[in-house]
Amino acid sequence: MSERIFVMAHDVGTGGSKAALTDLSGNIIASRFKPYPTIYPREHWAEQEPSDWWEAVTTTTREVLQETSVSPDDVKGVIFSTQMIGVLPVDKSGEPLRRAIIWLDGRAQEQADRIIRMFTKPVLLAFAGGIPTGKDVIAKLMWLVEHERGVYEETHKILDVNSFLVHRSCGEFVYDYAAASATGAFNFKKKDWDPFLFRIFKMDASKMPRVAPSYERAGGLTERAAEEMGLRPGTPVFTGTGDVPAAAVGSGAVIDGKGHVYVGSSGWIAVTMAKSVNAGRKGIVSIASADPTRFLLLAETESAGACFKWFADNLAPKDVDYGPGMDVFDYLNKVAAEAEPGSGGLIFCPWMYGERSPIPDTTVRGGFINLSLDHKRGDVARAVFEGVALHARWMLEEIKKCGFMDVSLRAIGGGAKSDLWMQIYADVCGVNIERLVQPQESGARGAALIAARGLGHYPDIASLWNVVKIDRVFFPRTEYGSLYTEAFMNFKEVYRRLKKLYRKMNPGA
């Protein structure tokens, strides 16, 4: 019998952290999830306690080991896939100096606007490939310098979620290439921090950790971390990466021209590219991928599954029998499936917390358009599914202008478990949607496969293309093509007509 080798992969998201024990092919043996809260101290602010991340990581690790009875001796690697573009200042021992400012936080719009005035949009597009918003790392660092100067001066390193967890695990301060490239302060050619940018913004580049490939061994589990996790001291800890690059690996779309769509709390479409390509005016940028020789062309939306959850939490009925073994989400899928495609002309705009692409606008907000007394519960539920898919079509439209020509997208994330939603994505976007086996596990799967590359089980990241398995393909139904094209044109027109009103109503966003 061959040696038993497992990887403990952690998918650390906005709503909680999942530990997944996998083999070297990324197959999930068992997983456990532990939620944690997001704190909203003020409008447009979003923070989390780093101790909550660590507690979730250690608790779920022990639970998975207990469930599977796998010996800690057989776990040969630990790796993290995490939410990106966060800011966490720590001291020399790695202890946080304040709560983490997470990706959802838009407090630094004033600083972003100042950057735009300083350089002008054409210069930023040519030099940085994009226009900064109040949610970007450089703007958040400027906010920290200006509003919490004492914290910044005391800071030894600026970390994100992944680099904090890596340090807590093995004592090393390290960023991976992909996470660093998403900060706006990274030099792609040199694969290091750009000292020129730090000088311009009067910030200290030495406060940033070193950068390394995602599959590089950062160190070994410390005695303390190993005891808290229930693993062996010295177990290799890999650099890891952000949720988007890990998901790309977990989707198998790792060769040039292949893309995937993610439907989780947020959402995105990402395409693996040989060269960096940007559509900065549309909020579409390239970041480094988990493969140091490749890039990810990325279009993000702030709210995808979060829209569905908001609808379920606030508008779904609480006093009905959902049916045997069904919860509110199953019920809403059922009633939405009973509604006709197009939702009777009802349009849902999923811009619930500002947007990134293709409309980089922190002031935009969601809503139902063309709602009437004729609409039923199923129409409203289906409109939410369709609205998220219509926004994905808008992102895809702009990505195609950057060179994406494939007729298929691999689908991952918790939202991909819904047959109805995947068929709507196919119909609305006009592409084949290839749902993977266990689509909700793609982040952990991708992280595990990166660790397997680090352990030498695969020669390179590109060789993982055929490792990941497809569960089902959803094909676009041509009979609904014109219906959704008209809905799409109306969807875009809503933003064009209301964007000035959004800015008037949400001036501080």
Protein backbone atom coordinates (compact mmCIF):
# COMPACT_ATOMS: atom_id res chain seq x y z
CA MET A 1 0.00 0.00 0.00
CA SER A 2 1.33 3.44 -0.94
CA GLU A 3 2.13 6.03 1.72
CA ARG A 4 -0.87 7.97 3.00
CA ILE A 5 -0.28 11.68 2.31
CA PHE A 6 -2.80 14.35 3.16
CA VAL A 7 -2.95 18.14 3.04
CA MET A 8 -4.86 20.35 5.48
CA ALA A 9 -6.22 23.17 3.34
CA HIS A 10 -8.05 26.15 4.79
CA ASP A 11 -10.50 28.31 2.85
CA VAL A 12 -10.75 31.44 4.98
CA GLY A 13 -13.57 33.63 3.68
CA THR A 14 -15.62 36.59 4.77
CA GLY A 15 -18.30 34.63 6.62
CA GLY A 16 -16.13 31.94 8.15
CA SER A 17 -13.33 29.43 7.65
CA LYS A 18 -13.42 25.91 6.26
CA ALA A 19 -10.80 23.25 6.96
CA ALA A 20 -10.59 20.52 4.34
CA LEU A 21 -8.50 17.40 4.57
CA THR A 22 -7.55 16.36 1.04
CA ASP A 23 -5.39 13.90 -0.81
CA LEU A 24 -2.80 15.03 -3.35
CA SER A 25 -5.41 15.04 -6.13
CA GLY A 26 -7.48 17.60 -4.28
CA ASN A 27 -10.22 15.15 -3.32
CA ILE A 28 -11.96 16.28 -0.15
CA ILE A 29 -11.84 13.59 2.54
CA ALA A 30 -13.71 15.67 5.10
CA SER A 31 -14.34 19.34 5.85
CA ARG A 32 -15.59 21.48 8.69
CA PHE A 33 -16.76 25.11 8.73
CA LYS A 34 -16.83 27.66 11.54
CA PRO A 35 -18.44 31.09 11.04
CA TYR A 36 -17.27 34.38 12.48
CA PRO A 37 -18.74 37.88 12.39
CA THR A 38 -17.93 40.99 10.40
CA ILE A 39 -18.01 44.21 12.37
CA TYR A 40 -19.40 47.39 10.79
CA PRO A 41 -18.29 50.26 13.10
CA ARG A 42 -19.50 52.96 10.69
CA GLU A 43 -21.15 53.21 7.31
CA HIS A 44 -18.84 51.81 4.60
CA TRP A 45 -16.48 50.29 7.20
CA ALA A 46 -15.99 46.53 7.54
CA GLU A 47 -13.61 44.91 10.02
CA GLN A 48 -12.87 41.50 11.52
CA GLU A 49 -11.02 40.19 14.56
CA PRO A 50 -7.91 38.22 13.49
CA SER A 51 -8.30 36.04 16.56
CA ASP A 52 -11.61 34.84 15.08
CA TRP A 53 -9.80 33.60 11.95
CA TRP A 54 -7.26 31.70 14.02
CA GLU A 55 -9.85 30.20 16.34
CA ALA A 56 -11.83 29.01 13.32
CA VAL A 57 -8.70 27.53 11.71
CA THR A 58 -7.59 25.62 14.78
CA THR A 59 -11.07 24.44 15.77
CA THR A 60 -11.95 23.11 12.33
CA THR A 61 -8.56 21.43 11.95
CA ARG A 62 -9.07 19.46 15.14
CA GLU A 63 -12.66 18.59 14.16
CA VAL A 64 -11.59 17.22 10.77
CA LEU A 65 -8.83 15.13 12.32
CA GLN A 66 -11.26 13.76 14.90
CA GLU A 67 -13.87 12.93 12.26
CA THR A 68 -11.47 11.11 9.93
CA SER A 69 -9.14 9.53 12.51
CA VAL A 70 -6.27 10.47 10.19
CA SER A 71 -2.95 10.50 12.01
CA PRO A 72 -1.27 13.91 12.24
CA ASP A 73 1.85 12.12 10.97
CA ASP A 74 0.11 11.65 7.61
CA VAL A 75 -0.65 15.36 7.16
CA LYS A 76 2.30 16.59 5.12
CA GLY A 77 1.29 20.18 4.49
CA VAL A 78 -0.80 23.13 5.71
CA ILE A 79 -1.95 25.88 3.37
CA PHE A 80 -4.41 28.79 3.34
CA SER A 81 -6.64 30.30 0.68
CA THR A 82 -8.07 33.55 1.99
CA GLN A 83 -10.04 36.70 1.29
CA MET A 84 -7.80 39.34 -0.29
CA ILE A 85 -7.01 43.10 -0.18
CA GLY A 86 -7.23 43.37 3.58
CA VAL A 87 -5.02 45.53 5.80
CA LEU A 88 -3.79 44.30 9.18
CA PRO A 89 -0.94 46.11 10.97
CA VAL A 90 1.01 43.90 13.39
CA ASP A 91 3.94 44.33 15.77
CA LYS A 92 7.24 42.42 15.67
CA SER A 93 5.68 39.38 17.32
CA GLY A 94 2.88 39.33 14.76
CA GLU A 95 0.23 40.56 17.20
CA PRO A 96 -2.46 42.76 15.63
CA LEU A 97 -2.39 46.46 16.51
CA ARG A 98 -6.04 46.93 15.51
CA ARG A 99 -8.87 44.97 13.93
CA ALA A 100 -8.34 43.97 10.31
CA ILE A 101 -9.76 46.26 7.63
CA ILE A 102 -11.19 43.71 5.19
CA TRP A 103 -11.82 43.79 1.43
CA LEU A 104 -15.43 44.95 1.85
CA ASP A 105 -14.37 48.15 3.62
CA GLY A 106 -14.71 51.34 1.53
CA ARG A 107 -13.60 53.96 4.05
CA ALA A 108 -10.66 55.24 1.98
CA GLN A 109 -12.56 56.80 -0.95
CA GLU A 110 -11.20 60.26 -0.08
CA GLN A 111 -7.66 58.90 -0.34
CA ALA A 112 -8.47 57.11 -3.60
CA ASP A 113 -9.89 60.32 -5.06
CA ARG A 114 -6.71 62.13 -4.06
CA ILE A 115 -4.60 59.53 -5.89
CA ILE A 116 -6.73 60.07 -8.99
CA ARG A 117 -6.28 63.86 -8.79
CA MET A 118 -2.56 63.45 -8.20
CA PHE A 119 -1.91 61.26 -11.22
CA THR A 120 -5.02 61.70 -13.42
CA LYS A 121 -6.96 58.74 -14.75
CA PRO A 122 -4.98 58.35 -18.02
CA VAL A 123 -1.69 58.12 -16.14
CA LEU A 124 -3.09 55.62 -13.64
CA LEU A 125 -4.52 53.47 -16.42
CA ALA A 126 -1.20 53.48 -18.26
CA PHE A 127 1.00 52.95 -15.21
CA ALA A 128 -1.11 50.94 -12.74
CA GLY A 129 -3.68 49.43 -15.09
CA GLY A 130 -6.66 50.62 -13.06
CA ILE A 131 -8.43 53.39 -11.17
CA PRO A 132 -8.24 53.07 -7.38
CA THR A 133 -11.31 52.99 -5.16
CA GLY A 134 -11.78 53.33 -1.43
CA LYS A 135 -11.58 49.55 -1.10
CA ASP A 136 -8.03 49.22 -2.47
CA VAL A 137 -5.01 48.54 -0.28
CA ILE A 138 -2.95 51.61 -1.18
CA ALA A 139 -5.87 53.90 -0.33
CA LYS A 140 -6.48 52.04 2.93
CA LEU A 141 -2.81 52.37 3.89
CA MET A 142 -3.00 56.10 3.23
CA TRP A 143 -6.07 56.25 5.48
CA LEU A 144 -4.16 54.41 8.21
CA VAL A 145 -1.23 56.85 7.99
CA GLU A 146 -3.55 59.85 8.17
CA HIS A 147 -6.09 58.70 10.75
CA GLU A 148 -4.16 56.24 12.94
CA ARG A 149 -0.63 57.55 12.70
CA GLY A 150 0.41 56.01 15.99
CA VAL A 151 -0.69 52.57 14.86
CA TYR A 152 1.18 52.95 11.57
CA GLU A 153 4.39 54.05 13.28
CA GLU A 154 4.21 51.12 15.68
CA THR A 155 3.59 48.69 12.81
CA HIS A 156 6.30 46.18 12.03
CA LYS A 157 4.53 44.59 9.06
CA ILE A 158 1.33 45.14 7.11
CA LEU A 159 -0.34 41.77 6.61
CA ASP A 160 -3.46 40.41 4.98
CA VAL A 161 -5.51 37.42 6.13
CA ASN A 162 -3.24 34.84 4.51
CA SER A 163 0.06 36.30 5.66
CA PHE A 164 -1.29 36.67 9.21
CA LEU A 165 -2.29 33.00 9.35
CA VAL A 166 1.00 31.88 7.83
CA HIS A 167 2.90 33.86 10.46
CA ARG A 168 0.72 32.51 13.25
CA SER A 169 1.43 29.01 11.95
CA CYS A 170 5.18 29.13 11.34
CA GLY A 171 6.49 32.50 12.48
CA GLU A 172 7.42 33.82 9.02
CA PHE A 173 6.24 37.08 7.47
CA VAL A 174 5.49 36.42 3.80
CA TYR A 175 3.05 37.52 1.07
CA ASP A 176 2.41 35.48 -2.05
CA TYR A 177 2.82 37.06 -5.49
CA ALA A 178 -0.92 37.13 -6.22
CA ALA A 179 -1.90 38.87 -2.97
CA ALA A 180 0.93 41.37 -3.38
CA SER A 181 -0.09 42.11 -6.97
CA ALA A 182 -3.62 42.96 -5.83
CA THR A 183 -2.40 45.74 -3.51
CA GLY A 184 -1.54 48.19 -6.29
CA ALA A 185 2.03 48.48 -4.96
CA PHE A 186 3.62 45.50 -6.72
CA ASN A 187 6.11 45.48 -9.60
CA PHE A 188 5.09 42.62 -11.91
CA LYS A 189 8.40 42.49 -13.77
CA LYS A 190 10.56 42.38 -10.65
CA LYS A 191 8.02 40.33 -8.67
CA ASP A 192 8.56 42.54 -5.65
CA TRP A 193 7.18 45.64 -3.96
CA ASP A 194 7.58 48.83 -5.99
CA PRO A 195 9.73 51.26 -3.95
CA PHE A 196 8.81 54.12 -6.29
CA LEU A 197 5.14 53.90 -5.32
CA PHE A 198 5.93 53.77 -1.63
CA ARG A 199 8.10 56.88 -1.92
CA ILE A 200 5.34 58.75 -3.79
CA PHE A 201 2.76 57.93 -1.13
CA LYS A 202 5.25 58.57 1.69
CA MET A 203 4.96 55.08 3.11
CA ASP A 204 7.62 52.66 4.34
CA ALA A 205 8.15 49.70 1.99
CA SER A 206 10.07 47.87 4.73
CA LYS A 207 6.76 47.40 6.54
CA MET A 208 5.70 44.94 3.81
CA PRO A 209 6.67 41.25 4.10
CA ARG A 210 8.82 39.48 1.54
CA VAL A 211 6.97 37.95 -1.42
CA ALA A 212 7.16 34.36 -2.64
CA PRO A 213 5.39 31.85 -4.91
CA SER A 214 2.21 30.32 -3.50
CA TYR A 215 3.70 26.81 -3.42
CA GLU A 216 6.93 27.76 -1.65
CA ARG A 217 7.43 26.31 1.82
CA ALA A 218 7.26 29.28 4.20
CA GLY A 219 8.32 27.25 7.25
CA GLY A 220 7.17 24.53 9.61
CA LEU A 221 4.41 24.55 12.22
CA THR A 222 5.63 25.95 15.51
CA GLU A 223 5.16 23.97 18.70
CA ARG A 224 2.34 26.28 19.79
CA ALA A 225 0.52 26.27 16.45
CA ALA A 226 0.86 22.51 16.14
CA GLU A 227 -0.59 21.97 19.60
CA GLU A 228 -3.56 24.25 18.84
CA MET A 229 -4.24 22.51 15.53
CA GLY A 230 -3.61 18.97 16.71
CA LEU A 231 -0.85 18.48 14.11
CA ARG A 232 2.86 17.72 14.33
CA PRO A 233 5.45 20.46 14.90
CA GLY A 234 7.49 21.07 11.76
CA THR A 235 4.66 20.14 9.38
CA PRO A 236 5.36 22.21 6.22
CA VAL A 237 3.38 25.45 5.93
CA PHE A 238 3.16 26.74 2.38
CA THR A 239 2.91 30.40 1.40
CA GLY A 240 -0.62 29.95 0.09
CA THR A 241 -2.58 32.57 -1.78
CA GLY A 242 -5.79 34.55 -2.07
CA ASP A 243 -9.23 33.15 -2.76
CA VAL A 244 -9.27 34.11 -6.45
CA PRO A 245 -5.96 32.44 -7.47
CA ALA A 246 -6.74 29.39 -5.34
CA ALA A 247 -10.19 29.10 -6.89
CA ALA A 248 -8.65 29.30 -10.36
CA VAL A 249 -6.48 26.31 -9.51
CA GLY A 250 -9.43 24.55 -7.88
CA SER A 251 -11.49 25.08 -11.04
CA GLY A 252 -8.78 23.57 -13.22
CA ALA A 253 -8.86 26.63 -15.50
CA VAL A 254 -5.10 27.07 -15.27
CA ILE A 255 -4.01 27.10 -18.91
CA ASP A 256 -4.05 30.11 -21.20
CA GLY A 257 -7.48 31.31 -22.28
CA LYS A 258 -9.47 29.20 -19.82
CA GLY A 259 -11.83 30.90 -17.39
CA HIS A 260 -14.06 30.25 -14.43
CA VAL A 261 -17.01 31.96 -12.78
CA TYR A 262 -17.31 32.02 -9.01
CA VAL A 263 -20.68 32.41 -7.29
CA GLY A 264 -20.17 32.81 -3.56
CA SER A 265 -21.03 35.73 -1.27
CA SER A 266 -19.21 37.86 -3.81
CA GLY A 267 -18.55 36.78 -7.36
CA TRP A 268 -16.04 37.04 -10.17
CA ILE A 269 -14.98 35.85 -13.57
CA ALA A 270 -11.28 35.09 -13.97
CA VAL A 271 -9.31 34.02 -17.03
CA THR A 272 -5.77 32.62 -17.08
CA MET A 273 -3.57 34.67 -19.41
CA ALA A 274 0.06 34.55 -20.56
CA LYS A 275 0.36 38.34 -20.33
CA SER A 276 -1.01 41.05 -18.10
CA VAL A 277 -4.08 42.69 -19.66
CA ASN A 278 -6.14 45.44 -18.08
CA ALA A 279 -9.39 47.30 -18.68
CA GLY A 280 -8.87 49.65 -15.79
CA ARG A 281 -11.73 52.02 -16.59
CA LYS A 282 -14.03 49.04 -16.17
CA GLY A 283 -12.41 47.85 -12.95
CA ILE A 284 -11.00 44.79 -14.73
CA VAL A 285 -7.37 44.11 -13.87
CA SER A 286 -4.70 41.46 -14.06
CA ILE A 287 -3.19 40.00 -10.92
CA ALA A 288 -0.47 37.40 -10.54
CA SER A 289 -1.79 33.86 -10.49
CA ALA A 290 -0.72 30.93 -8.34
CA ASP A 291 1.50 30.05 -11.31
CA PRO A 292 4.35 32.62 -11.34
CA THR A 293 4.48 32.43 -15.15
CA ARG A 294 0.81 33.35 -15.64
CA PHE A 295 -1.69 36.10 -14.84
CA LEU A 296 -5.38 36.19 -14.00
CA LEU A 297 -7.60 38.64 -15.84
CA LEU A 298 -10.17 39.42 -13.16
CA ALA A 299 -13.60 41.03 -13.05
CA GLU A 300 -15.24 41.11 -9.63
CA THR A 301 -18.71 41.83 -8.31
CA GLU A 302 -19.20 42.67 -4.65
CA SER A 303 -22.52 40.86 -4.16
CA ALA A 304 -23.58 37.58 -5.78
CA GLY A 305 -24.73 34.91 -3.35
CA ALA A 306 -24.97 37.68 -0.75
CA CYS A 307 -27.99 39.00 -2.66
CA PHE A 308 -29.71 35.64 -2.46
CA LYS A 309 -28.90 35.33 1.25
CA TRP A 310 -30.18 38.87 1.90
CA PHE A 311 -33.42 38.01 0.12
CA ALA A 312 -33.77 34.75 2.08
CA ASP A 313 -33.02 36.41 5.42
CA ASN A 314 -35.23 39.46 4.98
CA LEU A 315 -37.97 38.81 2.44
CA ALA A 316 -38.58 35.06 2.33
CA PRO A 317 -41.62 33.82 4.23
CA LYS A 318 -40.99 32.31 7.66
CA ASP A 319 -44.42 30.82 8.20
CA VAL A 320 -44.61 28.25 5.38
CA ASP A 321 -43.73 24.59 5.25
CA TYR A 322 -40.66 24.39 3.02
CA GLY A 323 -41.15 20.67 2.50
CA PRO A 324 -39.40 17.53 3.79
CA GLY A 325 -35.68 18.08 4.16
CA MET A 326 -35.86 21.54 2.56
CA ASP A 327 -34.63 24.85 3.91
CA VAL A 328 -35.44 28.40 2.83
CA PHE A 329 -32.84 28.30 0.05
CA ASP A 330 -34.33 25.10 -1.40
CA TYR A 331 -37.77 26.68 -1.17
CA LEU A 332 -36.69 29.83 -3.02
CA ASN A 333 -35.05 27.73 -5.74
CA LYS A 334 -38.33 25.86 -6.10
CA VAL A 335 -40.60 28.91 -6.39
CA ALA A 336 -38.12 30.68 -8.69
CA ALA A 337 -38.07 27.63 -10.99
CA GLU A 338 -41.85 27.87 -11.28
CA ALA A 339 -41.62 31.45 -12.62
CA GLU A 340 -41.14 32.12 -16.32
CA PRO A 341 -37.70 33.16 -17.63
CA GLY A 342 -37.46 36.94 -17.58
CA SER A 343 -39.40 37.20 -14.31
CA GLY A 344 -42.27 39.01 -15.98
CA GLY A 345 -40.07 41.97 -16.91
CA LEU A 346 -38.83 42.44 -13.34
CA ILE A 347 -35.15 43.38 -13.04
CA PHE A 348 -33.08 43.04 -9.89
CA CYS A 349 -29.92 45.16 -9.63
CA PRO A 350 -27.45 43.26 -7.39
CA TRP A 351 -25.29 46.25 -6.48
CA MET A 352 -25.94 45.89 -2.75
CA TYR A 353 -22.63 47.25 -1.42
CA GLY A 354 -21.09 49.22 -4.26
CA GLU A 355 -19.42 47.63 -7.26
CA ARG A 356 -16.00 46.88 -8.69
CA SER A 357 -16.49 45.89 -12.33
CA PRO A 358 -17.45 46.75 -14.92
CA ILE A 359 -18.75 49.76 -12.97
CA PRO A 360 -16.16 50.69 -10.33
CA ASP A 361 -18.59 52.72 -8.23
CA THR A 362 -18.80 52.63 -4.43
CA THR A 363 -22.02 54.69 -4.39
CA VAL A 364 -24.22 52.38 -6.49
CA ARG A 365 -26.89 50.36 -4.68
CA GLY A 366 -29.30 47.56 -5.48
CA GLY A 367 -33.01 47.46 -6.11
CA PHE A 368 -35.94 46.01 -8.02
CA ILE A 369 -36.93 47.78 -11.21
CA ASN A 370 -40.35 47.49 -12.90
CA LEU A 371 -42.00 45.78 -9.92
CA SER A 372 -45.79 45.62 -10.18
CA LEU A 373 -48.80 44.12 -8.42
CA ASP A 374 -48.80 41.39 -11.05
CA HIS A 375 -45.50 39.93 -9.84
CA LYS A 376 -45.57 36.88 -7.60
CA ARG A 377 -43.06 35.59 -5.08
CA GLY A 378 -41.49 33.30 -7.67
CA ASP A 379 -40.93 36.22 -10.07
CA VAL A 380 -39.18 38.21 -7.37
CA ALA A 381 -36.99 35.24 -6.32
CA ARG A 382 -36.12 34.44 -9.94
CA ALA A 383 -35.28 38.10 -10.60
CA VAL A 384 -32.57 37.89 -7.92
CA PHE A 385 -30.98 34.91 -9.68
CA GLU A 386 -31.27 36.61 -13.05
CA GLY A 387 -29.96 39.97 -11.80
CA VAL A 388 -26.73 38.42 -10.53
CA ALA A 389 -26.36 36.57 -13.85
CA LEU A 390 -27.04 39.74 -15.85
CA HIS A 391 -24.21 41.47 -14.00
CA ALA A 392 -21.97 38.49 -14.78
CA ARG A 393 -22.87 38.94 -18.46
CA TRP A 394 -21.78 42.57 -18.20
CA MET A 395 -18.42 41.50 -16.76
CA LEU A 396 -18.08 38.82 -19.44
CA GLU A 397 -18.84 41.36 -22.17
CA GLU A 398 -15.88 43.48 -21.06
CA ILE A 399 -13.58 40.49 -20.53
CA LYS A 400 -14.23 39.39 -24.11
CA LYS A 401 -12.89 42.76 -25.25
CA CYS A 402 -9.63 41.82 -23.49
CA GLY A 403 -9.20 38.66 -25.56
CA PHE A 404 -11.26 35.93 -23.86
CA MET A 405 -12.77 33.84 -26.66
CA ASP A 406 -13.73 30.52 -25.04
CA VAL A 407 -17.35 29.33 -25.17
CA SER A 408 -17.23 27.74 -21.71
CA LEU A 409 -16.75 28.83 -18.13
CA ARG A 410 -16.13 26.47 -15.25
CA ALA A 411 -18.47 27.20 -12.34
CA ILE A 412 -17.49 27.08 -8.66
CA GLY A 413 -18.73 28.36 -5.31
CA GLY A 414 -21.77 27.57 -3.20
CA GLY A 415 -24.12 29.19 -5.70
CA ALA A 416 -23.00 26.70 -8.35
CA LYS A 417 -24.82 23.93 -6.46
CA SER A 418 -28.12 25.35 -7.73
CA ASP A 419 -29.13 23.73 -11.04
CA LEU A 420 -31.56 26.57 -11.65
CA TRP A 421 -28.95 29.28 -11.15
CA MET A 422 -26.40 27.56 -13.38
CA GLN A 423 -28.97 27.20 -16.16
CA ILE A 424 -29.83 30.88 -15.76
CA TYR A 425 -26.11 31.76 -16.00
CA ALA A 426 -25.85 29.72 -19.21
CA ASP A 427 -28.98 31.28 -20.70
CA VAL A 428 -28.12 34.85 -19.72
CA CYS A 429 -24.40 34.77 -20.55
CA GLY A 430 -24.71 32.61 -23.67
CA VAL A 431 -21.85 30.28 -22.72
CA ASN A 432 -21.57 26.68 -21.55
CA ILE A 433 -21.36 26.50 -17.76
CA GLU A 434 -19.23 23.56 -16.61
CA ARG A 435 -20.05 22.89 -12.96
CA LEU A 436 -17.35 21.04 -11.08
CA VAL A 437 -17.71 18.19 -8.64
CA GLN A 438 -18.11 19.73 -5.15
CA PRO A 439 -18.08 23.29 -6.54
CA GLN A 440 -18.26 24.82 -3.06
CA GLU A 441 -14.94 23.19 -2.18
CA SER A 442 -12.93 24.76 -5.01
CA GLY A 443 -11.03 27.21 -2.82
CA ALA A 444 -9.82 24.49 -0.47
CA ARG A 445 -9.24 22.12 -3.41
CA GLY A 446 -7.14 24.72 -5.19
CA ALA A 447 -5.09 25.45 -2.08
CA ALA A 448 -4.50 21.73 -1.56
CA LEU A 449 -3.34 21.29 -5.16
CA ILE A 450 -0.95 24.22 -4.75
CA ALA A 451 0.48 22.48 -1.67
CA ALA A 452 0.74 19.24 -3.68
CA ARG A 453 2.78 21.18 -6.24
CA GLY A 454 4.98 22.40 -3.38
CA LEU A 455 5.44 18.83 -2.20
CA GLY A 456 6.68 17.90 -5.68
CA HIS A 457 3.67 15.79 -6.66
CA TYR A 458 3.08 17.89 -9.81
CA PRO A 459 5.73 19.45 -12.10
CA ASP A 460 3.88 22.77 -12.45
CA ILE A 461 0.51 24.45 -11.96
CA ALA A 462 -0.53 24.01 -15.62
CA SER A 463 -0.43 20.23 -15.20
CA LEU A 464 -3.49 20.51 -12.91
CA TRP A 465 -5.82 21.21 -15.88
CA ASN A 466 -6.97 17.59 -16.13
CA VAL A 467 -6.96 16.82 -12.41
CA VAL A 468 -10.25 18.59 -11.60
CA LYS A 469 -13.47 16.79 -12.62
CA ILE A 470 -16.64 18.27 -14.18
CA ASP A 471 -20.00 17.27 -12.69
CA ARG A 472 -22.44 18.68 -15.28
CA VAL A 473 -22.50 21.06 -18.23
CA PHE A 474 -25.35 23.58 -18.64
CA PHE A 475 -25.88 24.73 -22.22
CA PRO A 476 -27.54 28.04 -23.18
CA ARG A 477 -31.08 27.61 -24.47
CA THR A 478 -31.35 29.60 -27.68
CA GLU A 479 -35.10 30.16 -27.31
CA TYR A 480 -34.39 32.59 -24.45
CA GLY A 481 -31.56 34.46 -26.18
CA SER A 482 -33.54 37.50 -27.33
CA LEU A 483 -35.42 37.71 -24.02
CA TYR A 484 -32.24 37.97 -21.99
CA THR A 485 -30.54 40.26 -24.48
CA GLU A 486 -33.38 42.76 -24.04
CA ALA A 487 -33.21 42.34 -20.25
CA PHE A 488 -29.46 42.92 -20.40
CA MET A 489 -29.82 46.16 -22.33
CA ASN A 490 -32.42 47.38 -19.82
CA PHE A 491 -30.16 46.30 -16.94
CA LYS A 492 -27.29 48.46 -18.20
CA GLU A 493 -29.66 51.33 -18.91
CA VAL A 494 -30.77 51.35 -15.27
CA TYR A 495 -27.23 52.16 -14.16
CA ARG A 496 -26.68 54.76 -16.85
CA ARG A 497 -29.84 56.59 -15.86
CA LEU A 498 -29.45 56.31 -12.07
CA LYS A 499 -25.72 56.60 -11.42
CA LYS A 500 -25.90 60.36 -10.72
CA LEU A 501 -28.75 59.76 -8.30
CA TYR A 502 -26.75 57.07 -6.48
CA ARG A 503 -23.87 59.50 -6.04
CA LYS A 504 -26.25 62.13 -4.72
CA MET A 505 -27.89 59.71 -2.27
CA ASN A 506 -24.66 58.07 -1.07
CA PRO A 507 -22.11 60.91 -1.07
CA GLY A 508 -19.91 59.42 1.65
CA ALA A 509 -19.55 56.01 0.02
